[in-house]
Amino acid sequence: MAINLRTRKKLFPYLLLIPTLVLLVCIVIYPLIFSLNLSFYSYDLKKFTLGKQFVGIQNFIDAFKDTQFLKALKITVLFMLIAIPIEFVVGLSIALLLNKDIRGSKTIRTLVIIPMMVTPIIVGLQWRFLFNYDMGLISQVLRVLHISEGFNILGNHSYALAGVALADIWQWTPFVILLCYSGLRSLPIEPYEAVTMDGATSWQTFKYITLPLLKPVIVITILLRTMDAFRIYDMIYTMTFGGPGASTETASFYVYRVSFKLFHMGYGSALSYILLIITIIIANLFVNSLKKVWEG
């Protein structure tokens, strides 16, 4: 029975969605289901002829007994505690300056987002060359100024993570600037006119007007940066490869090492889902905070 014209018009938009849905199933949904299933098996690619052995939730139990994984989580949290507060404070400060419409602010706004446009792999290589002990720009400047004979930041257990954090700050502070600046431009002018007439100082205006009104943007900005920083991998790969030792081995990099260096695919899948669950918990905490801000 032929389909009438009205029915065909109704079905046409859904037919256009089919290629996208097929692609989504192939590259997102199927890998998620496959990896979730794999996380309940012991599967070593070096011994692939033995096949998979079902172990239930043992991989997840082993993860919380794995001292290397727990150490990688601690390093990830430490990295976030170094990078995110600095990115936020510097980003918000620059956004406040740009919001004053100072001379040349349009050019500054354009230039300030350039680091964000560079891929993390390139940023990692760039900062690796800058930190190079023999030929890096930083070591050369220290030598010229007679401050030091050079400083091998990425080769030092105590400072390597700070070096990676500095590269992350350089790249992602512009993201914070962009969000905070957009938030500042969207604020109503009436409260500012009122406090100006009351003789409020700049600090009082910022503390009692700007900061409370900007809270939703601040929560979203910190949420996005936290989720992104928690899964940092590419900069670690290009700058330190988790070294020296394991001093910069973050949780995501540890999962990579377990899965694609040691080939423990089942255990690696379990670790990936643990990180996913942690990310979801963090996101929910921020979303609840955002709800409280809106309700308040």
C-alpha atoms as a PDB file:
ATOM      1  CA  MET A   1       0.000   0.000   0.000  1.00  0.00           C
ATOM      2  CA  ALA A   2       1.447   3.309  -1.089  1.00  0.00           C
ATOM      3  CA  ILE A   3       2.305   5.856   1.619  1.00  0.00           C
ATOM      4  CA  ASN A   4       0.383   9.089   1.172  1.00  0.00           C
ATOM      5  CA  LEU A   5       2.133  12.441   0.780  1.00  0.00           C
ATOM      6  CA  ARG A   6       1.351  13.690   4.323  1.00  0.00           C
ATOM      7  CA  THR A   7       2.857  10.542   5.919  1.00  0.00           C
ATOM      8  CA  ARG A   8       5.943  10.842   3.721  1.00  0.00           C
ATOM      9  CA  LYS A   9       6.458  14.443   4.827  1.00  0.00           C
ATOM     10  CA  LYS A  10       6.227  13.379   8.470  1.00  0.00           C
ATOM     11  CA  LEU A  11       8.691  10.515   8.019  1.00  0.00           C
ATOM     12  CA  PHE A  12      11.228  12.467   5.941  1.00  0.00           C
ATOM     13  CA  PRO A  13      12.941  14.288   8.880  1.00  0.00           C
ATOM     14  CA  TYR A  14      13.356  10.967  10.718  1.00  0.00           C
ATOM     15  CA  LEU A  15      14.877   9.363   7.615  1.00  0.00           C
ATOM     16  CA  LEU A  16      17.474  12.145   7.540  1.00  0.00           C
ATOM     17  CA  LEU A  17      18.451  11.246  11.102  1.00  0.00           C
ATOM     18  CA  ILE A  18      19.176   7.592  10.280  1.00  0.00           C
ATOM     19  CA  PRO A  19      22.806   8.090   9.050  1.00  0.00           C
ATOM     20  CA  THR A  20      23.639  10.112  12.173  1.00  0.00           C
ATOM     21  CA  LEU A  21      22.023   7.521  14.451  1.00  0.00           C
ATOM     22  CA  VAL A  22      23.908   4.687  12.740  1.00  0.00           C
ATOM     23  CA  LEU A  23      27.185   6.581  13.139  1.00  0.00           C
ATOM     24  CA  LEU A  24      26.370   7.319  16.798  1.00  0.00           C
ATOM     25  CA  VAL A  25      25.680   3.649  17.492  1.00  0.00           C
ATOM     26  CA  CYS A  26      28.901   2.560  15.765  1.00  0.00           C
ATOM     27  CA  ILE A  27      31.341   5.021  17.358  1.00  0.00           C
ATOM     28  CA  VAL A  28      29.727   5.738  20.755  1.00  0.00           C
ATOM     29  CA  ILE A  29      27.057   3.315  21.957  1.00  0.00           C
ATOM     30  CA  TYR A  30      28.600   0.029  20.766  1.00  0.00           C
ATOM     31  CA  PRO A  31      32.106   0.797  22.173  1.00  0.00           C
ATOM     32  CA  LEU A  32      30.533   1.793  25.516  1.00  0.00           C
ATOM     33  CA  ILE A  33      28.557  -1.450  25.753  1.00  0.00           C
ATOM     34  CA  PHE A  34      31.536  -3.516  24.564  1.00  0.00           C
ATOM     35  CA  SER A  35      33.942  -1.935  27.081  1.00  0.00           C
ATOM     36  CA  LEU A  36      31.409  -2.276  29.927  1.00  0.00           C
ATOM     37  CA  ASN A  37      31.035  -5.968  29.116  1.00  0.00           C
ATOM     38  CA  LEU A  38      34.831  -6.346  28.870  1.00  0.00           C
ATOM     39  CA  SER A  39      35.284  -4.835  32.346  1.00  0.00           C
ATOM     40  CA  PHE A  40      33.767  -8.002  33.854  1.00  0.00           C
ATOM     41  CA  TYR A  41      36.354 -10.241  32.187  1.00  0.00           C
ATOM     42  CA  SER A  42      40.041 -10.955  32.573  1.00  0.00           C
ATOM     43  CA  TYR A  43      41.403 -10.422  29.074  1.00  0.00           C
ATOM     44  CA  ASP A  44      45.111 -10.159  28.301  1.00  0.00           C
ATOM     45  CA  LEU A  45      45.932  -9.340  24.672  1.00  0.00           C
ATOM     46  CA  LYS A  46      49.374 -10.902  25.093  1.00  0.00           C
ATOM     47  CA  LYS A  47      47.561 -14.185  25.750  1.00  0.00           C
ATOM     48  CA  PHE A  48      44.616 -13.633  23.411  1.00  0.00           C
ATOM     49  CA  THR A  49      44.566 -17.328  22.460  1.00  0.00           C
ATOM     50  CA  LEU A  50      43.310 -18.123  25.966  1.00  0.00           C
ATOM     51  CA  GLY A  51      40.258 -15.944  25.350  1.00  0.00           C
ATOM     52  CA  LYS A  52      38.313 -14.084  28.051  1.00  0.00           C
ATOM     53  CA  GLN A  53      37.658 -15.389  31.552  1.00  0.00           C
ATOM     54  CA  PHE A  54      34.618 -14.044  33.388  1.00  0.00           C
ATOM     55  CA  VAL A  55      35.616 -12.566  36.772  1.00  0.00           C
ATOM     56  CA  GLY A  56      32.531 -10.524  37.673  1.00  0.00           C
ATOM     57  CA  ILE A  57      33.344  -7.375  39.665  1.00  0.00           C
ATOM     58  CA  GLN A  58      36.834  -8.589  40.616  1.00  0.00           C
ATOM     59  CA  ASN A  59      38.469  -6.015  38.309  1.00  0.00           C
ATOM     60  CA  PHE A  60      36.679  -3.222  40.183  1.00  0.00           C
ATOM     61  CA  ILE A  61      37.691  -4.693  43.551  1.00  0.00           C
ATOM     62  CA  ASP A  62      41.308  -4.981  42.388  1.00  0.00           C
ATOM     63  CA  ALA A  63      41.285  -1.320  41.325  1.00  0.00           C
ATOM     64  CA  PHE A  64      40.754  -0.141  44.908  1.00  0.00           C
ATOM     65  CA  LYS A  65      43.620  -2.387  46.042  1.00  0.00           C
ATOM     66  CA  ASP A  66      45.927  -1.144  43.281  1.00  0.00           C
ATOM     67  CA  THR A  67      48.375   1.249  44.975  1.00  0.00           C
ATOM     68  CA  GLN A  68      49.606   2.561  41.609  1.00  0.00           C
ATOM     69  CA  PHE A  69      46.075   3.469  40.543  1.00  0.00           C
ATOM     70  CA  LEU A  70      45.345   5.145  43.880  1.00  0.00           C
ATOM     71  CA  LYS A  71      48.619   7.072  43.585  1.00  0.00           C
ATOM     72  CA  ALA A  72      47.653   8.143  40.051  1.00  0.00           C
ATOM     73  CA  LEU A  73      44.318   9.419  41.414  1.00  0.00           C
ATOM     74  CA  LYS A  74      46.168  11.437  44.086  1.00  0.00           C
ATOM     75  CA  ILE A  75      48.457  12.933  41.434  1.00  0.00           C
ATOM     76  CA  THR A  76      45.412  13.832  39.326  1.00  0.00           C
ATOM     77  CA  VAL A  77      43.755  15.588  42.273  1.00  0.00           C
ATOM     78  CA  LEU A  78      47.021  17.408  43.102  1.00  0.00           C
ATOM     79  CA  PHE A  79      47.304  18.549  39.485  1.00  0.00           C
ATOM     80  CA  MET A  80      43.743  19.881  39.612  1.00  0.00           C
ATOM     81  CA  LEU A  81      44.422  21.701  42.907  1.00  0.00           C
ATOM     82  CA  ILE A  82      47.441  23.419  41.327  1.00  0.00           C
ATOM     83  CA  ALA A  83      46.005  24.304  37.925  1.00  0.00           C
ATOM     84  CA  ILE A  84      42.296  25.098  38.394  1.00  0.00           C
ATOM     85  CA  PRO A  85      42.513  27.737  41.187  1.00  0.00           C
ATOM     86  CA  ILE A  86      45.256  29.635  39.326  1.00  0.00           C
ATOM     87  CA  GLU A  87      43.337  29.450  36.042  1.00  0.00           C
ATOM     88  CA  PHE A  88      40.205  30.742  37.728  1.00  0.00           C
ATOM     89  CA  VAL A  89      41.820  33.610  39.657  1.00  0.00           C
ATOM     90  CA  VAL A  90      43.941  34.781  36.705  1.00  0.00           C
ATOM     91  CA  GLY A  91      41.101  34.264  34.210  1.00  0.00           C
ATOM     92  CA  LEU A  92      38.554  36.173  36.282  1.00  0.00           C
ATOM     93  CA  SER A  93      41.031  39.006  36.936  1.00  0.00           C
ATOM     94  CA  ILE A  94      41.779  39.433  33.235  1.00  0.00           C
ATOM     95  CA  ALA A  95      38.055  39.211  32.382  1.00  0.00           C
ATOM     96  CA  LEU A  96      37.349  42.032  34.865  1.00  0.00           C
ATOM     97  CA  LEU A  97      40.033  44.175  33.219  1.00  0.00           C
ATOM     98  CA  LEU A  98      38.710  43.475  29.721  1.00  0.00           C
ATOM     99  CA  ASN A  99      35.186  44.312  30.890  1.00  0.00           C
ATOM    100  CA  LYS A 100      36.316  47.884  31.575  1.00  0.00           C
ATOM    101  CA  ASP A 101      36.666  48.456  27.819  1.00  0.00           C
ATOM    102  CA  ILE A 102      40.196  49.798  28.133  1.00  0.00           C
ATOM    103  CA  ARG A 103      42.043  50.981  25.056  1.00  0.00           C
ATOM    104  CA  GLY A 104      43.006  48.067  22.833  1.00  0.00           C
ATOM    105  CA  SER A 105      40.735  45.613  24.692  1.00  0.00           C
ATOM    106  CA  LYS A 106      39.313  44.236  21.422  1.00  0.00           C
ATOM    107  CA  THR A 107      42.794  43.301  20.208  1.00  0.00           C
ATOM    108  CA  ILE A 108      43.646  41.827  23.623  1.00  0.00           C
ATOM    109  CA  ARG A 109      40.455  39.750  23.592  1.00  0.00           C
ATOM    110  CA  THR A 110      41.442  38.311  20.233  1.00  0.00           C
ATOM    111  CA  LEU A 111      45.027  37.548  21.247  1.00  0.00           C
ATOM    112  CA  VAL A 112      44.168  36.109  24.653  1.00  0.00           C
ATOM    113  CA  ILE A 113      42.189  33.160  23.249  1.00  0.00           C
ATOM    114  CA  ILE A 114      44.967  31.981  20.898  1.00  0.00           C
ATOM    115  CA  PRO A 115      46.458  29.419  23.369  1.00  0.00           C
ATOM    116  CA  MET A 116      43.044  27.762  23.668  1.00  0.00           C
ATOM    117  CA  MET A 117      42.992  27.207  19.893  1.00  0.00           C
ATOM    118  CA  VAL A 118      46.234  25.182  19.919  1.00  0.00           C
ATOM    119  CA  THR A 119      45.845  21.411  20.290  1.00  0.00           C
ATOM    120  CA  PRO A 120      47.059  20.014  23.643  1.00  0.00           C
ATOM    121  CA  ILE A 121      49.605  17.752  21.916  1.00  0.00           C
ATOM    122  CA  ILE A 122      51.294  20.780  20.332  1.00  0.00           C
ATOM    123  CA  VAL A 123      51.120  22.706  23.610  1.00  0.00           C
ATOM    124  CA  GLY A 124      52.803  19.789  25.369  1.00  0.00           C
ATOM    125  CA  LEU A 125      55.608  19.646  22.809  1.00  0.00           C
ATOM    126  CA  GLN A 126      56.022  23.429  22.918  1.00  0.00           C
ATOM    127  CA  TRP A 127      56.433  23.499  26.706  1.00  0.00           C
ATOM    128  CA  ARG A 128      58.652  20.433  26.635  1.00  0.00           C
ATOM    129  CA  PHE A 129      61.051  22.351  24.386  1.00  0.00           C
ATOM    130  CA  LEU A 130      60.782  25.441  26.613  1.00  0.00           C
ATOM    131  CA  PHE A 131      61.673  23.358  29.690  1.00  0.00           C
ATOM    132  CA  ASN A 132      64.533  21.514  27.947  1.00  0.00           C
ATOM    133  CA  TYR A 133      67.595  21.631  30.203  1.00  0.00           C
ATOM    134  CA  ASP A 134      70.210  22.058  27.443  1.00  0.00           C
ATOM    135  CA  MET A 135      68.476  24.178  24.793  1.00  0.00           C
ATOM    136  CA  GLY A 136      65.197  25.316  26.355  1.00  0.00           C
ATOM    137  CA  LEU A 137      64.383  29.034  26.450  1.00  0.00           C
ATOM    138  CA  ILE A 138      63.742  29.000  30.209  1.00  0.00           C
ATOM    139  CA  SER A 139      67.133  27.462  31.016  1.00  0.00           C
ATOM    140  CA  GLN A 140      68.863  29.849  28.614  1.00  0.00           C
ATOM    141  CA  VAL A 141      67.244  32.885  30.252  1.00  0.00           C
ATOM    142  CA  LEU A 142      68.291  31.648  33.704  1.00  0.00           C
ATOM    143  CA  ARG A 143      71.865  31.265  32.474  1.00  0.00           C
ATOM    144  CA  VAL A 144      71.946  34.716  30.833  1.00  0.00           C
ATOM    145  CA  LEU A 145      70.631  36.325  34.020  1.00  0.00           C
ATOM    146  CA  HIS A 146      73.181  34.306  36.055  1.00  0.00           C
ATOM    147  CA  ILE A 147      70.364  33.003  38.236  1.00  0.00           C
ATOM    148  CA  SER A 148      71.108  29.359  37.558  1.00  0.00           C
ATOM    149  CA  GLU A 149      73.009  27.103  35.196  1.00  0.00           C
ATOM    150  CA  GLY A 150      69.691  25.766  34.016  1.00  0.00           C
ATOM    151  CA  PHE A 151      66.871  23.940  35.714  1.00  0.00           C
ATOM    152  CA  ASN A 152      65.557  20.567  34.545  1.00  0.00           C
ATOM    153  CA  ILE A 153      61.947  21.030  35.646  1.00  0.00           C
ATOM    154  CA  LEU A 154      60.472  18.028  33.822  1.00  0.00           C
ATOM    155  CA  GLY A 155      63.316  15.801  34.997  1.00  0.00           C
ATOM    156  CA  ASN A 156      62.781  16.625  38.665  1.00  0.00           C
ATOM    157  CA  HIS A 157      60.357  14.520  40.747  1.00  0.00           C
ATOM    158  CA  SER A 158      59.353  17.523  42.847  1.00  0.00           C
ATOM    159  CA  TYR A 159      58.668  20.009  40.039  1.00  0.00           C
ATOM    160  CA  ALA A 160      57.601  17.970  36.991  1.00  0.00           C
ATOM    161  CA  LEU A 161      53.895  18.079  37.868  1.00  0.00           C
ATOM    162  CA  ALA A 162      54.096  21.844  38.412  1.00  0.00           C
ATOM    163  CA  GLY A 163      55.660  22.136  34.936  1.00  0.00           C
ATOM    164  CA  VAL A 164      52.751  20.249  33.372  1.00  0.00           C
ATOM    165  CA  ALA A 165      50.306  22.385  35.384  1.00  0.00           C
ATOM    166  CA  LEU A 166      51.978  25.553  34.060  1.00  0.00           C
ATOM    167  CA  ALA A 167      51.434  24.377  30.480  1.00  0.00           C
ATOM    168  CA  ASP A 168      47.787  23.611  31.284  1.00  0.00           C
ATOM    169  CA  ILE A 169      47.355  27.054  32.892  1.00  0.00           C
ATOM    170  CA  TRP A 170      48.814  28.735  29.801  1.00  0.00           C
ATOM    171  CA  GLN A 171      46.406  26.911  27.499  1.00  0.00           C
ATOM    172  CA  TRP A 172      43.153  26.924  29.482  1.00  0.00           C
ATOM    173  CA  THR A 173      43.179  30.252  31.339  1.00  0.00           C
ATOM    174  CA  PRO A 174      41.819  31.851  28.111  1.00  0.00           C
ATOM    175  CA  PHE A 175      38.824  29.485  28.369  1.00  0.00           C
ATOM    176  CA  VAL A 176      38.091  30.838  31.865  1.00  0.00           C
ATOM    177  CA  ILE A 177      38.564  34.394  30.601  1.00  0.00           C
ATOM    178  CA  LEU A 178      36.087  33.794  27.777  1.00  0.00           C
ATOM    179  CA  LEU A 179      33.363  32.377  30.035  1.00  0.00           C
ATOM    180  CA  CYS A 180      33.836  34.967  32.801  1.00  0.00           C
ATOM    181  CA  TYR A 181      33.937  37.838  30.315  1.00  0.00           C
ATOM    182  CA  SER A 182      30.718  36.593  28.666  1.00  0.00           C
ATOM    183  CA  GLY A 183      29.117  36.363  32.096  1.00  0.00           C
ATOM    184  CA  LEU A 184      30.215  39.877  33.032  1.00  0.00           C
ATOM    185  CA  ARG A 185      28.812  41.333  29.809  1.00  0.00           C
ATOM    186  CA  SER A 186      25.437  39.724  30.510  1.00  0.00           C
ATOM    187  CA  LEU A 187      25.009  41.197  34.012  1.00  0.00           C
ATOM    188  CA  PRO A 188      22.257  43.826  34.503  1.00  0.00           C
ATOM    189  CA  ILE A 189      23.430  47.444  34.908  1.00  0.00           C
ATOM    190  CA  GLU A 190      20.756  48.540  37.396  1.00  0.00           C
ATOM    191  CA  PRO A 191      22.482  47.175  40.541  1.00  0.00           C
ATOM    192  CA  TYR A 192      25.721  48.926  39.536  1.00  0.00           C
ATOM    193  CA  GLU A 193      23.942  52.239  39.040  1.00  0.00           C
ATOM    194  CA  ALA A 194      22.354  51.879  42.489  1.00  0.00           C
ATOM    195  CA  VAL A 195      25.619  51.108  44.343  1.00  0.00           C
ATOM    196  CA  THR A 196      27.433  53.902  42.486  1.00  0.00           C
ATOM    197  CA  MET A 197      24.868  56.380  43.788  1.00  0.00           C
ATOM    198  CA  ASP A 198      25.366  54.937  47.302  1.00  0.00           C
ATOM    199  CA  GLY A 199      29.117  55.568  47.053  1.00  0.00           C
ATOM    200  CA  ALA A 200      30.293  51.927  47.104  1.00  0.00           C
ATOM    201  CA  THR A 201      33.985  51.232  46.450  1.00  0.00           C
ATOM    202  CA  SER A 202      35.214  49.006  43.609  1.00  0.00           C
ATOM    203  CA  TRP A 203      35.923  46.165  46.044  1.00  0.00           C
ATOM    204  CA  GLN A 204      32.476  46.437  47.638  1.00  0.00           C
ATOM    205  CA  THR A 205      30.850  46.441  44.186  1.00  0.00           C
ATOM    206  CA  PHE A 206      32.794  43.324  43.202  1.00  0.00           C
ATOM    207  CA  LYS A 207      32.123  41.511  46.500  1.00  0.00           C
ATOM    208  CA  TYR A 208      28.435  42.265  46.937  1.00  0.00           C
ATOM    209  CA  ILE A 209      27.218  42.712  43.336  1.00  0.00           C
ATOM    210  CA  THR A 210      29.516  41.170  40.716  1.00  0.00           C
ATOM    211  CA  LEU A 211      30.499  37.990  42.547  1.00  0.00           C
ATOM    212  CA  PRO A 212      26.954  36.956  43.626  1.00  0.00           C
ATOM    213  CA  LEU A 213      25.522  37.679  40.165  1.00  0.00           C
ATOM    214  CA  LEU A 214      28.378  35.783  38.517  1.00  0.00           C
ATOM    215  CA  LYS A 215      28.044  32.645  40.686  1.00  0.00           C
ATOM    216  CA  PRO A 216      26.232  30.510  38.057  1.00  0.00           C
ATOM    217  CA  VAL A 217      28.959  31.268  35.485  1.00  0.00           C
ATOM    218  CA  ILE A 218      31.670  30.569  38.075  1.00  0.00           C
ATOM    219  CA  VAL A 219      30.144  27.177  38.955  1.00  0.00           C
ATOM    220  CA  ILE A 220      29.849  26.172  35.278  1.00  0.00           C
ATOM    221  CA  THR A 221      33.402  27.345  34.526  1.00  0.00           C
ATOM    222  CA  ILE A 222      34.930  25.409  37.420  1.00  0.00           C
ATOM    223  CA  LEU A 223      32.817  22.345  36.550  1.00  0.00           C
ATOM    224  CA  LEU A 224      34.012  22.286  32.933  1.00  0.00           C
ATOM    225  CA  ARG A 225      37.642  22.821  33.906  1.00  0.00           C
ATOM    226  CA  THR A 226      37.455  20.184  36.658  1.00  0.00           C
ATOM    227  CA  MET A 227      36.019  17.550  34.324  1.00  0.00           C
ATOM    228  CA  ASP A 228      38.592  18.366  31.660  1.00  0.00           C
ATOM    229  CA  ALA A 229      41.562  18.476  34.067  1.00  0.00           C
ATOM    230  CA  PHE A 230      40.518  15.188  35.685  1.00  0.00           C
ATOM    231  CA  ARG A 231      41.014  13.338  32.412  1.00  0.00           C
ATOM    232  CA  ILE A 232      44.287  15.007  31.361  1.00  0.00           C
ATOM    233  CA  TYR A 233      46.329  12.682  29.180  1.00  0.00           C
ATOM    234  CA  ASP A 234      47.716  14.323  26.036  1.00  0.00           C
ATOM    235  CA  MET A 235      49.998  16.849  27.778  1.00  0.00           C
ATOM    236  CA  ILE A 236      51.338  14.132  30.068  1.00  0.00           C
ATOM    237  CA  TYR A 237      52.058  11.952  27.036  1.00  0.00           C
ATOM    238  CA  THR A 238      54.035  14.608  25.173  1.00  0.00           C
ATOM    239  CA  MET A 239      55.762  16.313  28.113  1.00  0.00           C
ATOM    240  CA  THR A 240      56.766  13.607  30.598  1.00  0.00           C
ATOM    241  CA  PHE A 241      55.185  10.260  29.618  1.00  0.00           C
ATOM    242  CA  GLY A 242      54.253   9.896  33.271  1.00  0.00           C
ATOM    243  CA  GLY A 243      57.795  10.465  34.537  1.00  0.00           C
ATOM    244  CA  PRO A 244      60.209  10.966  36.029  1.00  0.00           C
ATOM    245  CA  GLY A 245      59.353   7.691  37.703  1.00  0.00           C
ATOM    246  CA  ALA A 246      55.601   7.953  38.145  1.00  0.00           C
ATOM    247  CA  SER A 247      55.542  11.496  39.523  1.00  0.00           C
ATOM    248  CA  THR A 248      53.265  12.812  36.750  1.00  0.00           C
ATOM    249  CA  GLU A 249      51.304   9.650  36.001  1.00  0.00           C
ATOM    250  CA  THR A 250      47.681  10.772  36.170  1.00  0.00           C
ATOM    251  CA  ALA A 251      44.705   8.418  36.351  1.00  0.00           C
ATOM    252  CA  SER A 252      43.944   8.645  32.607  1.00  0.00           C
ATOM    253  CA  PHE A 253      47.564   7.999  31.708  1.00  0.00           C
ATOM    254  CA  TYR A 254      47.654   5.000  34.067  1.00  0.00           C
ATOM    255  CA  VAL A 255      44.578   3.569  32.317  1.00  0.00           C
ATOM    256  CA  TYR A 256      46.381   4.033  28.981  1.00  0.00           C
ATOM    257  CA  ARG A 257      49.463   2.239  30.324  1.00  0.00           C
ATOM    258  CA  VAL A 258      47.462  -0.664  31.727  1.00  0.00           C
ATOM    259  CA  SER A 259      45.392  -1.057  28.554  1.00  0.00           C
ATOM    260  CA  PHE A 260      47.852  -0.379  25.732  1.00  0.00           C
ATOM    261  CA  LYS A 261      51.255  -1.057  27.281  1.00  0.00           C
ATOM    262  CA  LEU A 262      50.490  -4.003  29.537  1.00  0.00           C
ATOM    263  CA  PHE A 263      47.478  -5.086  27.398  1.00  0.00           C
ATOM    264  CA  HIS A 264      45.236  -5.885  30.392  1.00  0.00           C
ATOM    265  CA  MET A 265      42.129  -4.884  28.482  1.00  0.00           C
ATOM    266  CA  GLY A 266      39.539  -6.099  30.975  1.00  0.00           C
ATOM    267  CA  TYR A 267      41.178  -4.380  33.935  1.00  0.00           C
ATOM    268  CA  GLY A 268      41.771  -1.233  31.869  1.00  0.00           C
ATOM    269  CA  SER A 269      38.063  -1.108  30.953  1.00  0.00           C
ATOM    270  CA  ALA A 270      37.124  -1.386  34.646  1.00  0.00           C
ATOM    271  CA  LEU A 271      39.473   1.484  35.513  1.00  0.00           C
ATOM    272  CA  SER A 272      37.930   3.598  32.750  1.00  0.00           C
ATOM    273  CA  TYR A 273      34.450   3.108  34.177  1.00  0.00           C
ATOM    274  CA  ILE A 274      35.636   3.976  37.665  1.00  0.00           C
ATOM    275  CA  LEU A 275      36.949   7.282  36.277  1.00  0.00           C
ATOM    276  CA  LEU A 276      33.634   7.793  34.467  1.00  0.00           C
ATOM    277  CA  ILE A 277      31.700   7.247  37.715  1.00  0.00           C
ATOM    278  CA  ILE A 278      33.966   9.702  39.576  1.00  0.00           C
ATOM    279  CA  THR A 279      33.431  12.287  36.809  1.00  0.00           C
ATOM    280  CA  ILE A 280      29.639  11.825  37.016  1.00  0.00           C
ATOM    281  CA  ILE A 281      29.754  12.283  40.810  1.00  0.00           C
ATOM    282  CA  ILE A 282      31.802  15.486  40.437  1.00  0.00           C
ATOM    283  CA  ALA A 283      29.388  16.786  37.790  1.00  0.00           C
ATOM    284  CA  ASN A 284      26.366  16.060  40.004  1.00  0.00           C
ATOM    285  CA  LEU A 285      27.947  17.881  42.943  1.00  0.00           C
ATOM    286  CA  PHE A 286      28.488  20.964  40.787  1.00  0.00           C
ATOM    287  CA  VAL A 287      24.995  20.746  39.272  1.00  0.00           C
ATOM    288  CA  ASN A 288      23.462  20.584  42.764  1.00  0.00           C
ATOM    289  CA  SER A 289      25.558  23.594  43.747  1.00  0.00           C
ATOM    290  CA  LEU A 290      24.292  25.422  40.676  1.00  0.00           C
ATOM    291  CA  LYS A 291      20.684  24.603  41.600  1.00  0.00           C
ATOM    292  CA  LYS A 292      21.247  26.031  45.081  1.00  0.00           C
ATOM    293  CA  VAL A 293      22.705  29.192  43.540  1.00  0.00           C
ATOM    294  CA  TRP A 294      19.670  29.640  41.277  1.00  0.00           C
ATOM    295  CA  GLU A 295      17.217  28.881  44.090  1.00  0.00           C
ATOM    296  CA  GLY A 296      19.100  31.217  46.446  1.00  0.00           C
END
